[in-house]
Amino acid sequence: MFKSRMQEFRSELIKANINVALITDEDNVYYLTGYYDYLHMEFGRPTILVVPKDAETFLITPSIDLNSALANADVDQIFEWNDGMGQEWRQELPRSLSQKYQVGIEVNHIPFVVRNYLNNHIKQDNIKNITPILTEMRMIKSSQELQMARHAGQVANAMMEAGRANIADNVPEFEVAIATSQAGTRKAAELLKSHYNDKDMSPNTHFLQIMASGEAIIKTHHRASTRIMRNGEPVFLCFCGMTNFHRFKLGFDRTFWIKNIGDKSQEAVYEVAVASQKAALDALKPGVTAESIHAEYAEVIQGAGYEYPFRCGRATGFSFLESPQLVTGDKTIIQPGMVLAIDGSVSTETFRAQVGDSVIITEDGYELLTNHPKALSDIIL
């Protein structure tokens, strides 16, 4: 899987007349090589994948992570560097750079410290943005990726069922988060054991549960807290960060009520949210534009008298946000093999309702990856 991606990427570099690409975004490093974990910059250690168009690829990695790189990185060579020794990560770069070279970087993702180094060694006119190349490559998923997407859907469904089962009167929000994390981890472990020969990939969920109850439900990305849930209150569960199986991400959201709908005005808001998602799903098929899906969703919301909404959805994969985005201005043509998160949502000053699911685009429509009831009779617990 990784070798074929690298071959395709290098072919694209040749077409673009780029001599060498420096990959620093951890999701792109994984996409091209299979190497992952602690490749980000929070601890001040750059990891750089160097891809010449016609020479051996190599990975520059901190020595503290060398063993992981040796086990996982599908590259021709690996060079380690240690904190405070010599030129650190800069030591190997000059052999792949030249003032005459066209150097490709991910303009919006490269760490400042690496970009600053390049600015001092490469003419600005010779630095090119390779993000569009990788974006295009990652838009249509391979059969292996689609398998991961389907398994991620199973993990998401398990988490939603567990969350639903633990929402109740006099229960703190964090207890729901514990339950969803356990359910997702166990399902992921089951799938990894049954379908994958990767002993290093962790099944554990590793993202703080997004949920909100009662008056806090208007806080879109509120984390589970010590708040005690009560009868009649709405409860929102979002797994857009937690659904991360084998590094493949999905979006998945539901709104519930405990025992009854305490504020009856919330019912109408919820029904519009569901209708807006249905409008988007009804329009979803190959050949239409991304923005046209958003337009169908937005028309339902605005037609019901609510404010113009945020984007209807987005593509997902090995990153939380990929292309296209279902929003005004994105004219990308929807194609089979894309994986999209499709939302329906309405916000007011005192209440917010959202439902969201992930799908695979097929030849004549879509395949649903996440599945949980949305009818009012089913989500009043």
Protein backbone atom coordinates (compact mmCIF):
# COMPACT_ATOMS: atom_id res chain seq x y z
CA MET A 1 0.00 0.00 0.00
CA PHE A 2 2.71 2.49 0.97
CA LYS A 3 5.06 1.61 -1.90
CA SER A 4 2.37 2.22 -4.51
CA ARG A 5 1.48 5.56 -2.93
CA MET A 6 5.11 6.62 -2.93
CA GLN A 7 5.47 5.67 -6.58
CA GLU A 8 2.41 7.69 -7.47
CA PHE A 9 3.64 10.67 -5.47
CA ARG A 10 7.04 10.63 -7.14
CA SER A 11 5.35 10.47 -10.54
CA GLU A 12 3.43 13.59 -9.59
CA LEU A 13 6.65 15.33 -8.53
CA ILE A 14 8.13 14.63 -11.95
CA LYS A 15 5.02 16.03 -13.67
CA ALA A 16 5.25 19.17 -11.52
CA ASN A 17 9.01 19.52 -12.18
CA ILE A 18 9.76 19.38 -8.44
CA ASN A 19 13.19 17.96 -7.60
CA VAL A 20 12.57 17.03 -4.00
CA ALA A 21 9.68 17.11 -1.52
CA LEU A 22 9.98 17.58 2.24
CA ILE A 23 7.01 16.05 4.06
CA THR A 24 6.47 17.16 7.67
CA ASP A 25 2.73 16.69 8.29
CA GLU A 26 2.39 13.51 10.35
CA ASP A 27 -0.70 12.30 8.48
CA ASN A 28 1.08 12.65 5.15
CA VAL A 29 4.19 10.93 6.52
CA TYR A 30 1.95 8.03 7.55
CA TYR A 31 0.07 8.05 4.25
CA LEU A 32 3.31 7.66 2.27
CA THR A 33 5.39 5.46 4.59
CA GLY A 34 3.32 3.85 7.37
CA TYR A 35 5.35 5.65 10.05
CA TYR A 36 3.35 7.28 12.84
CA ASP A 37 3.23 8.49 16.46
CA TYR A 38 5.04 11.42 18.05
CA LEU A 39 5.89 12.96 14.68
CA HIS A 40 4.33 16.27 15.66
CA MET A 41 6.19 19.30 16.98
CA GLU A 42 4.81 19.62 20.52
CA PHE A 43 8.12 18.35 21.90
CA GLY A 44 10.26 20.41 19.52
CA ARG A 45 11.51 17.51 17.40
CA PRO A 46 10.99 17.68 13.62
CA THR A 47 10.46 14.50 11.63
CA ILE A 48 11.09 15.02 7.92
CA LEU A 49 10.37 12.65 5.05
CA VAL A 50 12.60 13.51 2.08
CA VAL A 51 11.31 12.36 -1.31
CA PRO A 52 13.56 13.12 -4.30
CA LYS A 53 11.85 12.66 -7.64
CA ASP A 54 14.56 10.28 -8.89
CA ALA A 55 16.70 9.17 -5.93
CA GLU A 56 16.29 7.18 -2.72
CA THR A 57 13.76 8.34 -0.16
CA PHE A 58 14.87 8.88 3.40
CA LEU A 59 13.42 9.72 6.77
CA ILE A 60 15.04 12.10 9.25
CA THR A 61 13.80 11.16 12.70
CA PRO A 62 14.78 11.84 16.32
CA SER A 63 16.94 9.03 17.69
CA ILE A 64 14.46 8.59 20.54
CA ASP A 65 11.99 7.27 17.93
CA LEU A 66 14.47 5.33 15.81
CA ASN A 67 13.19 1.88 16.77
CA SER A 68 9.64 2.81 15.76
CA ALA A 69 10.91 4.18 12.46
CA LEU A 70 12.88 1.03 11.74
CA ALA A 71 9.81 -1.09 12.45
CA ASN A 72 7.24 0.94 10.51
CA ALA A 73 8.71 3.34 7.96
CA ASP A 74 8.65 2.06 4.37
CA VAL A 75 11.56 4.18 3.08
CA ASP A 76 14.96 3.53 1.52
CA GLN A 77 17.04 5.04 4.32
CA ILE A 78 16.60 6.37 7.85
CA PHE A 79 18.80 9.00 9.47
CA GLU A 80 18.56 9.66 13.19
CA TRP A 81 19.41 12.84 15.01
CA ASN A 82 19.80 13.58 18.72
CA ASP A 83 18.98 16.65 20.78
CA GLY A 84 21.88 19.08 20.92
CA MET A 85 24.30 16.99 18.84
CA GLY A 86 25.89 18.51 15.75
CA GLN A 87 23.41 20.03 13.33
CA GLU A 88 20.57 17.81 14.64
CA TRP A 89 17.91 17.33 11.91
CA ARG A 90 19.68 19.79 9.64
CA GLN A 91 22.67 17.48 9.13
CA GLU A 92 21.28 15.42 6.23
CA LEU A 93 19.20 18.03 4.46
CA PRO A 94 21.94 19.81 2.44
CA ARG A 95 22.67 16.68 0.38
CA SER A 96 19.13 16.80 -1.05
CA LEU A 97 18.87 20.56 -1.52
CA SER A 98 20.34 22.90 -4.08
CA GLN A 99 19.78 26.50 -5.01
CA LYS A 100 18.81 25.18 -8.45
CA TYR A 101 16.24 22.72 -7.10
CA GLN A 102 12.51 23.15 -7.03
CA VAL A 103 11.64 22.12 -3.45
CA GLY A 104 8.13 21.03 -2.54
CA ILE A 105 6.70 21.61 0.94
CA GLU A 106 3.28 21.54 2.64
CA VAL A 107 3.03 25.31 2.95
CA ASN A 108 0.40 25.41 5.69
CA HIS A 109 1.70 22.44 7.67
CA ILE A 110 5.47 22.74 7.76
CA PRO A 111 6.88 23.65 11.21
CA PHE A 112 8.20 27.20 11.37
CA VAL A 113 11.67 26.03 12.41
CA VAL A 114 11.99 23.90 9.26
CA ARG A 115 10.51 26.59 7.02
CA ASN A 116 12.93 29.15 8.46
CA TYR A 117 15.84 26.83 7.63
CA LEU A 118 14.63 26.50 4.03
CA ASN A 119 14.17 30.24 3.70
CA ASN A 120 17.87 30.64 4.45
CA HIS A 121 19.00 27.95 2.00
CA ILE A 122 16.56 27.95 -0.92
CA LYS A 123 15.40 30.78 -3.15
CA GLN A 124 11.81 31.66 -2.36
CA ASP A 125 10.82 31.29 -6.02
CA ASN A 126 12.03 27.68 -5.87
CA ILE A 127 9.78 26.68 -2.96
CA LYS A 128 6.56 25.10 -4.20
CA ASN A 129 3.40 24.00 -2.45
CA ILE A 130 2.85 20.23 -2.80
CA THR A 131 -0.29 20.14 -0.65
CA PRO A 132 -2.57 20.06 -3.73
CA ILE A 133 -0.78 16.93 -4.99
CA LEU A 134 -1.27 15.06 -1.73
CA THR A 135 -4.80 16.37 -1.33
CA GLU A 136 -5.77 15.00 -4.74
CA MET A 137 -4.10 11.65 -4.06
CA ARG A 138 -5.86 11.21 -0.73
CA MET A 139 -9.32 12.20 -1.97
CA ILE A 140 -10.24 8.79 -3.42
CA LYS A 141 -9.71 5.97 -0.96
CA SER A 142 -8.12 2.61 -1.82
CA SER A 143 -9.81 -0.69 -1.06
CA GLN A 144 -7.66 -1.04 2.06
CA GLU A 145 -8.69 2.39 3.27
CA LEU A 146 -12.36 1.65 2.63
CA GLN A 147 -12.03 -1.48 4.76
CA MET A 148 -10.61 0.67 7.55
CA ALA A 149 -13.48 3.13 7.07
CA ARG A 150 -16.05 0.34 7.47
CA HIS A 151 -14.31 -0.92 10.58
CA ALA A 152 -14.12 2.64 11.94
CA GLY A 153 -17.88 2.75 11.46
CA GLN A 154 -18.26 -0.35 13.62
CA VAL A 155 -16.14 1.27 16.32
CA ALA A 156 -18.24 4.44 16.14
CA ASN A 157 -21.49 2.49 16.38
CA ALA A 158 -20.21 0.63 19.44
CA MET A 159 -19.31 3.91 21.12
CA MET A 160 -22.69 5.45 20.36
CA GLU A 161 -24.55 2.44 21.74
CA ALA A 162 -22.48 2.56 24.92
CA GLY A 163 -22.99 6.30 25.31
CA ARG A 164 -26.72 5.98 24.83
CA ALA A 165 -26.91 3.17 27.39
CA ASN A 166 -25.20 5.28 30.05
CA ILE A 167 -27.11 8.54 29.64
CA ALA A 168 -29.54 8.80 32.56
CA ASP A 169 -30.88 11.04 35.28
CA ASN A 170 -28.39 11.83 38.07
CA VAL A 171 -25.39 10.53 36.07
CA PRO A 172 -22.31 12.75 35.52
CA GLU A 173 -21.23 13.33 31.94
CA PHE A 174 -17.78 11.82 32.47
CA GLU A 175 -19.32 8.41 33.19
CA VAL A 176 -20.71 8.42 29.65
CA ALA A 177 -17.25 9.28 28.31
CA ILE A 178 -15.69 6.38 30.21
CA ALA A 179 -18.28 4.00 28.78
CA THR A 180 -17.83 5.17 25.18
CA SER A 181 -14.05 4.91 25.42
CA GLN A 182 -14.20 1.38 26.75
CA ALA A 183 -16.67 0.26 24.11
CA GLY A 184 -14.69 1.80 21.27
CA THR A 185 -11.41 0.35 22.49
CA ARG A 186 -12.84 -3.15 22.86
CA LYS A 187 -14.43 -3.09 19.41
CA ALA A 188 -11.22 -1.75 17.87
CA ALA A 189 -9.17 -4.46 19.59
CA GLU A 190 -11.53 -7.12 18.27
CA LEU A 191 -11.23 -5.81 14.71
CA LEU A 192 -7.45 -5.42 14.87
CA LYS A 193 -7.07 -9.00 16.05
CA SER A 194 -9.44 -10.41 13.43
CA HIS A 195 -8.44 -8.42 10.35
CA TYR A 196 -5.00 -6.81 10.71
CA ASN A 197 -1.47 -8.07 11.15
CA ASP A 198 -0.25 -5.01 13.02
CA LYS A 199 0.74 -5.68 16.60
CA ASP A 200 1.81 -2.06 17.21
CA MET A 201 -1.43 -0.25 16.29
CA SER A 202 -3.24 0.75 19.48
CA PRO A 203 -6.98 0.07 19.80
CA ASN A 204 -7.40 2.68 22.53
CA THR A 205 -9.54 5.72 21.89
CA HIS A 206 -7.48 8.81 22.55
CA PHE A 207 -9.59 11.93 22.17
CA LEU A 208 -11.60 13.67 24.89
CA GLN A 209 -15.30 12.91 24.52
CA ILE A 210 -17.24 15.77 22.97
CA MET A 211 -20.60 15.94 24.72
CA ALA A 212 -22.86 18.48 26.36
CA SER A 213 -26.07 18.34 28.33
CA GLY A 214 -28.69 20.79 29.57
CA GLU A 215 -27.88 24.46 29.08
CA ALA A 216 -24.32 23.61 27.95
CA ILE A 217 -25.64 21.97 24.77
CA ILE A 218 -25.10 25.22 22.84
CA LYS A 219 -21.33 24.74 23.34
CA THR A 220 -20.54 22.84 20.15
CA HIS A 221 -17.28 21.19 21.23
CA HIS A 222 -17.82 20.99 24.97
CA ARG A 223 -15.93 18.14 26.66
CA ALA A 224 -17.49 15.69 29.10
CA SER A 225 -17.47 17.26 32.55
CA THR A 226 -18.60 16.54 36.11
CA ARG A 227 -22.02 18.01 35.32
CA ILE A 228 -24.94 15.85 36.50
CA MET A 229 -27.51 15.10 33.78
CA ARG A 230 -31.21 15.40 34.63
CA ASN A 231 -34.54 14.17 33.28
CA GLY A 232 -35.97 16.30 30.49
CA GLU A 233 -32.56 17.58 29.38
CA PRO A 234 -31.03 17.22 25.92
CA VAL A 235 -27.67 15.45 25.61
CA PHE A 236 -25.34 15.75 22.63
CA LEU A 237 -22.74 13.08 21.77
CA CYS A 238 -20.06 13.66 19.12
CA PHE A 239 -17.44 11.10 18.04
CA CYS A 240 -15.74 13.15 15.33
CA GLY A 241 -12.44 12.94 17.19
CA MET A 242 -12.82 9.59 18.95
CA THR A 243 -13.73 7.62 15.83
CA ASN A 244 -10.13 6.97 14.87
CA PHE A 245 -9.59 3.32 13.96
CA HIS A 246 -6.24 2.30 12.49
CA ARG A 247 -5.71 6.06 12.08
CA PHE A 248 -8.82 6.36 9.87
CA LYS A 249 -11.23 9.05 11.07
CA LEU A 250 -15.01 9.42 10.71
CA GLY A 251 -17.67 11.86 11.88
CA PHE A 252 -20.69 10.73 13.94
CA ASP A 253 -23.14 12.74 16.11
CA ARG A 254 -26.50 12.32 17.82
CA THR A 255 -28.76 14.33 20.11
CA PHE A 256 -30.79 12.60 22.84
CA TRP A 257 -33.23 13.53 25.63
CA ILE A 258 -33.53 11.90 29.05
CA LYS A 259 -37.05 10.51 29.73
CA ASN A 260 -38.87 13.39 28.00
CA ILE A 261 -38.35 16.68 26.19
CA GLY A 262 -38.52 19.19 29.00
CA ASP A 263 -38.63 22.18 26.68
CA LYS A 264 -41.07 21.31 23.88
CA SER A 265 -39.72 24.09 21.63
CA GLN A 266 -36.56 22.00 21.18
CA GLU A 267 -38.51 19.33 19.31
CA ALA A 268 -39.12 21.52 16.25
CA VAL A 269 -35.46 22.58 16.15
CA TYR A 270 -34.35 18.96 16.22
CA GLU A 271 -36.72 17.99 13.42
CA VAL A 272 -35.24 20.69 11.17
CA ALA A 273 -31.73 19.42 11.90
CA VAL A 274 -32.75 15.91 10.87
CA ALA A 275 -34.51 17.23 7.76
CA SER A 276 -31.42 19.23 6.75
CA GLN A 277 -29.24 16.14 6.91
CA LYS A 278 -31.81 14.15 4.93
CA ALA A 279 -31.80 16.82 2.22
CA ALA A 280 -28.03 16.55 1.95
CA LEU A 281 -28.10 12.75 1.85
CA ASP A 282 -30.86 12.76 -0.77
CA ALA A 283 -28.68 14.94 -3.00
CA LEU A 284 -25.48 12.98 -2.39
CA LYS A 285 -24.22 11.09 -5.45
CA PRO A 286 -21.30 11.09 -7.87
CA GLY A 287 -21.16 13.94 -10.34
CA VAL A 288 -22.58 16.73 -8.18
CA THR A 289 -20.46 19.45 -6.61
CA ALA A 290 -19.54 19.59 -2.94
CA GLU A 291 -21.14 23.01 -2.57
CA SER A 292 -24.44 21.80 -4.04
CA ILE A 293 -24.81 19.33 -1.16
CA HIS A 294 -24.31 22.16 1.31
CA ALA A 295 -26.87 24.26 -0.57
CA GLU A 296 -29.58 21.61 -0.14
CA TYR A 297 -28.86 21.35 3.58
CA ALA A 298 -28.70 25.13 4.07
CA GLU A 299 -31.97 25.68 2.21
CA VAL A 300 -33.87 23.52 4.68
CA ILE A 301 -32.38 25.35 7.66
CA GLN A 302 -32.87 28.86 6.32
CA GLY A 303 -36.27 27.96 4.94
CA ALA A 304 -37.35 27.11 8.48
CA GLY A 305 -36.28 30.56 9.64
CA TYR A 306 -32.90 29.77 11.18
CA GLU A 307 -29.54 31.40 10.48
CA TYR A 308 -27.24 30.34 7.64
CA PRO A 309 -25.39 27.25 8.96
CA PHE A 310 -21.78 26.17 9.09
CA ARG A 311 -20.56 23.62 6.54
CA CYS A 312 -22.70 20.56 5.92
CA GLY A 313 -19.76 18.19 6.15
CA ARG A 314 -16.27 17.29 5.11
CA ALA A 315 -14.13 14.51 3.73
CA THR A 316 -12.27 12.36 6.24
CA GLY A 317 -9.55 9.73 6.09
CA PHE A 318 -6.20 9.66 7.82
CA SER A 319 -6.84 13.29 8.82
CA PHE A 320 -9.86 14.73 10.62
CA LEU A 321 -10.33 17.22 7.79
CA GLU A 322 -9.65 16.35 4.18
CA SER A 323 -10.93 17.55 0.81
CA PRO A 324 -13.55 18.27 -0.30
CA GLN A 325 -15.50 20.27 2.24
CA LEU A 326 -19.26 20.49 1.80
CA VAL A 327 -19.48 24.26 1.92
CA THR A 328 -20.22 27.18 -0.37
CA GLY A 329 -17.30 27.75 -2.73
CA ASP A 330 -16.02 24.15 -2.89
CA LYS A 331 -16.75 23.08 -6.46
CA THR A 332 -15.06 19.68 -6.18
CA ILE A 333 -16.99 16.98 -8.02
CA ILE A 334 -18.17 14.18 -5.73
CA GLN A 335 -16.65 10.86 -6.84
CA PRO A 336 -16.94 7.18 -5.88
CA GLY A 337 -14.41 6.24 -3.21
CA MET A 338 -14.68 9.46 -1.23
CA VAL A 339 -15.50 9.21 2.46
CA LEU A 340 -17.62 12.07 3.76
CA ALA A 341 -19.13 13.13 7.09
CA ILE A 342 -22.63 14.58 6.53
CA ASP A 343 -24.22 16.74 9.23
CA GLY A 344 -27.60 18.23 9.93
CA SER A 345 -27.58 21.00 12.52
CA VAL A 346 -29.57 23.95 13.83
CA SER A 347 -28.43 26.43 16.48
CA THR A 348 -30.51 28.87 18.50
CA GLU A 349 -29.60 31.04 21.48
CA THR A 350 -30.68 28.39 24.01
CA PHE A 351 -30.54 25.08 22.13
CA ARG A 352 -28.52 23.26 19.51
CA ALA A 353 -29.45 20.03 17.71
CA GLN A 354 -27.08 18.03 15.53
CA VAL A 355 -27.07 14.65 13.82
CA GLY A 356 -24.16 13.43 11.72
CA ASP A 357 -23.12 10.30 9.85
CA SER A 358 -20.26 9.14 7.65
CA VAL A 359 -20.64 7.58 4.22
CA ILE A 360 -18.65 6.07 1.37
CA ILE A 361 -19.59 7.45 -2.04
CA THR A 362 -20.53 4.58 -4.39
CA GLU A 363 -21.16 4.44 -8.15
CA ASP A 364 -24.82 5.38 -7.74
CA GLY A 365 -25.14 6.95 -4.28
CA TYR A 366 -23.60 6.21 -0.93
CA GLU A 367 -22.97 3.49 1.65
CA LEU A 368 -23.75 4.39 5.24
CA LEU A 369 -20.87 3.72 7.66
CA THR A 370 -22.47 4.92 10.90
CA ASN A 371 -25.99 4.01 11.86
CA HIS A 372 -28.06 4.99 14.85
CA PRO A 373 -31.77 5.92 15.07
CA LYS A 374 -32.75 9.57 14.61
CA ALA A 375 -36.54 9.51 15.05
CA LEU A 376 -37.74 11.37 18.14
CA SER A 377 -39.38 8.23 19.47
CA ASP A 378 -35.99 6.48 19.36
CA ILE A 379 -33.78 9.13 20.92
CA ILE A 380 -35.88 9.95 23.99
CA LEU A 381 -34.22 7.61 26.45
